[in-house]
């Protein structure tokens, strides 16, 4: 019995990093206005204010569901008063020209919330 409990504990701990961020959600209306603007730009296909916008997001943190490289793209969400790009981003998943899922982070990839529309 002890071995089974130990095995299950190790299994659960092993799988924890793969729990998708979709467990946390944020409504479109709950996004800051700058994030709603960025989402509108993504849907229009740009133009984007930062040259890094639209580049591949590697998901190295493994907080989003695992997908093939190139599935996720990142976009800057302006932070009022910031002198650089700030920590806020939207990560879009799917075809680069027609993404179908979106995640928001305001802490530079330490956590994500799936955007509900």
Protein backbone atom coordinates (compact mmCIF):
# COMPACT_ATOMS: atom_id res chain seq x y z
CA UNK A 1 0.00 0.00 0.00
CA UNK A 2 2.84 2.39 0.86
CA UNK A 3 4.44 1.79 -2.55
CA UNK A 4 1.21 2.55 -4.36
CA UNK A 5 0.73 5.79 -2.42
CA UNK A 6 4.33 6.81 -3.12
CA UNK A 7 3.94 6.00 -6.80
CA UNK A 8 0.73 8.04 -7.05
CA UNK A 9 2.32 11.00 -5.24
CA UNK A 10 5.28 10.98 -7.64
CA UNK A 11 2.93 10.67 -10.62
CA UNK A 12 0.83 13.65 -9.50
CA UNK A 13 3.92 15.79 -8.83
CA UNK A 14 5.33 14.85 -12.21
CA UNK A 15 2.17 15.94 -14.01
CA UNK A 16 1.66 19.21 -12.14
CA UNK A 17 3.80 21.32 -14.50
CA UNK A 18 1.58 20.16 -17.37
CA UNK A 19 -1.65 21.44 -15.85
CA UNK A 20 -2.82 23.85 -18.53
CA UNK A 21 -3.29 27.52 -17.79
CA UNK A 22 -6.84 27.18 -19.02
CA UNK A 23 -7.76 26.36 -15.43
CA UNK A 24 -7.43 30.13 -14.85
CA UNK A 25 -9.67 32.24 -17.05
CA UNK A 26 -10.33 35.92 -17.57
CA UNK A 27 -13.30 37.41 -19.38
CA UNK A 28 -12.63 39.77 -22.27
CA UNK A 29 -14.36 42.53 -20.29
CA UNK A 30 -12.03 41.86 -17.34
CA UNK A 31 -8.90 42.59 -19.37
CA UNK A 32 -7.21 45.97 -19.02
CA UNK A 33 -8.07 48.31 -21.93
CA UNK A 34 -4.54 47.96 -23.36
CA UNK A 35 -4.97 44.17 -23.56
CA UNK A 36 -8.29 44.57 -25.37
CA UNK A 37 -6.52 46.90 -27.84
CA UNK A 38 -3.74 44.34 -28.38
CA UNK A 39 -6.31 41.60 -28.96
CA UNK A 40 -8.02 43.79 -31.58
CA UNK A 41 -4.66 44.34 -33.33
CA UNK A 42 -4.01 40.58 -33.36
CA UNK A 43 -7.39 39.97 -35.00
CA UNK A 44 -6.62 42.66 -37.60
CA UNK A 45 -3.16 41.24 -38.30
CA UNK A 46 -1.34 44.37 -37.11
CA UNK A 47 0.40 46.69 -37.44
CA UNK A 48 2.04 46.11 -34.08
CA UNK A 49 3.89 48.73 -32.05
CA UNK A 50 6.84 46.48 -31.12
CA UNK A 51 9.07 44.55 -33.50
CA UNK A 52 8.94 41.48 -31.21
CA UNK A 53 5.15 41.23 -31.57
CA UNK A 54 4.07 38.15 -33.50
CA UNK A 55 7.27 36.22 -32.80
CA UNK A 56 7.17 32.59 -31.72
CA UNK A 57 6.55 32.01 -28.03
CA UNK A 58 8.49 28.89 -27.02
CA UNK A 59 6.41 27.94 -23.94
CA UNK A 60 9.65 27.04 -22.13
CA UNK A 61 7.85 27.57 -18.82
CA UNK A 62 5.46 24.79 -19.88
CA UNK A 63 2.50 26.61 -18.37
CA UNK A 64 0.44 26.45 -21.55
CA UNK A 65 -0.76 23.18 -23.09
CA UNK A 66 2.08 21.51 -25.01
CA UNK A 67 1.95 22.20 -28.76
CA UNK A 68 4.41 22.07 -31.64
CA UNK A 69 6.91 24.92 -31.97
CA UNK A 70 5.39 27.87 -33.77
CA UNK A 71 1.87 27.25 -32.45
CA UNK A 72 2.11 30.11 -29.92
CA UNK A 73 2.95 33.73 -30.75
CA UNK A 74 3.47 36.57 -28.28
CA UNK A 75 2.26 40.16 -28.36
CA UNK A 76 3.06 43.09 -26.08
CA UNK A 77 0.33 44.68 -23.99
CA UNK A 78 1.34 48.28 -23.32
CA UNK A 79 1.87 49.16 -19.68
CA UNK A 80 1.08 52.80 -18.91
CA UNK A 81 4.14 54.56 -17.51
CA UNK A 82 6.57 51.76 -18.41
CA UNK A 83 9.77 52.84 -20.16
CA UNK A 84 10.16 49.41 -21.80
CA UNK A 85 7.74 46.74 -23.02
CA UNK A 86 6.67 45.95 -19.47
CA UNK A 87 5.55 42.53 -18.25
CA UNK A 88 2.14 42.20 -19.86
CA UNK A 89 1.62 39.98 -22.90
CA UNK A 90 -1.01 38.14 -24.86
CA UNK A 91 0.01 34.76 -26.22
CA UNK A 92 -2.08 33.57 -29.16
CA UNK A 93 -2.36 29.95 -30.22
CA UNK A 94 -3.22 28.51 -33.59
CA UNK A 95 -2.52 29.61 -37.12
CA UNK A 96 -0.44 32.81 -37.08
CA UNK A 97 -2.97 34.63 -39.30
CA UNK A 98 -6.02 33.18 -37.55
CA UNK A 99 -5.31 32.24 -33.93
CA UNK A 100 -8.19 30.70 -32.04
CA UNK A 101 -7.05 30.73 -28.41
CA UNK A 102 -5.58 33.53 -26.36
CA UNK A 103 -3.81 33.76 -23.00
CA UNK A 104 -3.02 36.83 -20.91
CA UNK A 105 -0.09 37.30 -18.53
CA UNK A 106 0.66 40.38 -16.47
CA UNK A 107 3.72 38.92 -14.74
CA UNK A 108 6.01 38.14 -17.68
CA UNK A 109 5.08 34.47 -18.19
CA UNK A 110 4.96 33.38 -14.53
CA UNK A 111 1.22 32.76 -14.87
CA UNK A 112 -1.40 32.79 -17.59
CA UNK A 113 -5.17 33.14 -17.80
CA UNK A 114 -7.10 31.92 -20.81
CA UNK A 115 -9.14 34.74 -22.32
CA UNK A 116 -12.85 33.91 -22.52
CA UNK A 117 -14.66 35.74 -25.29
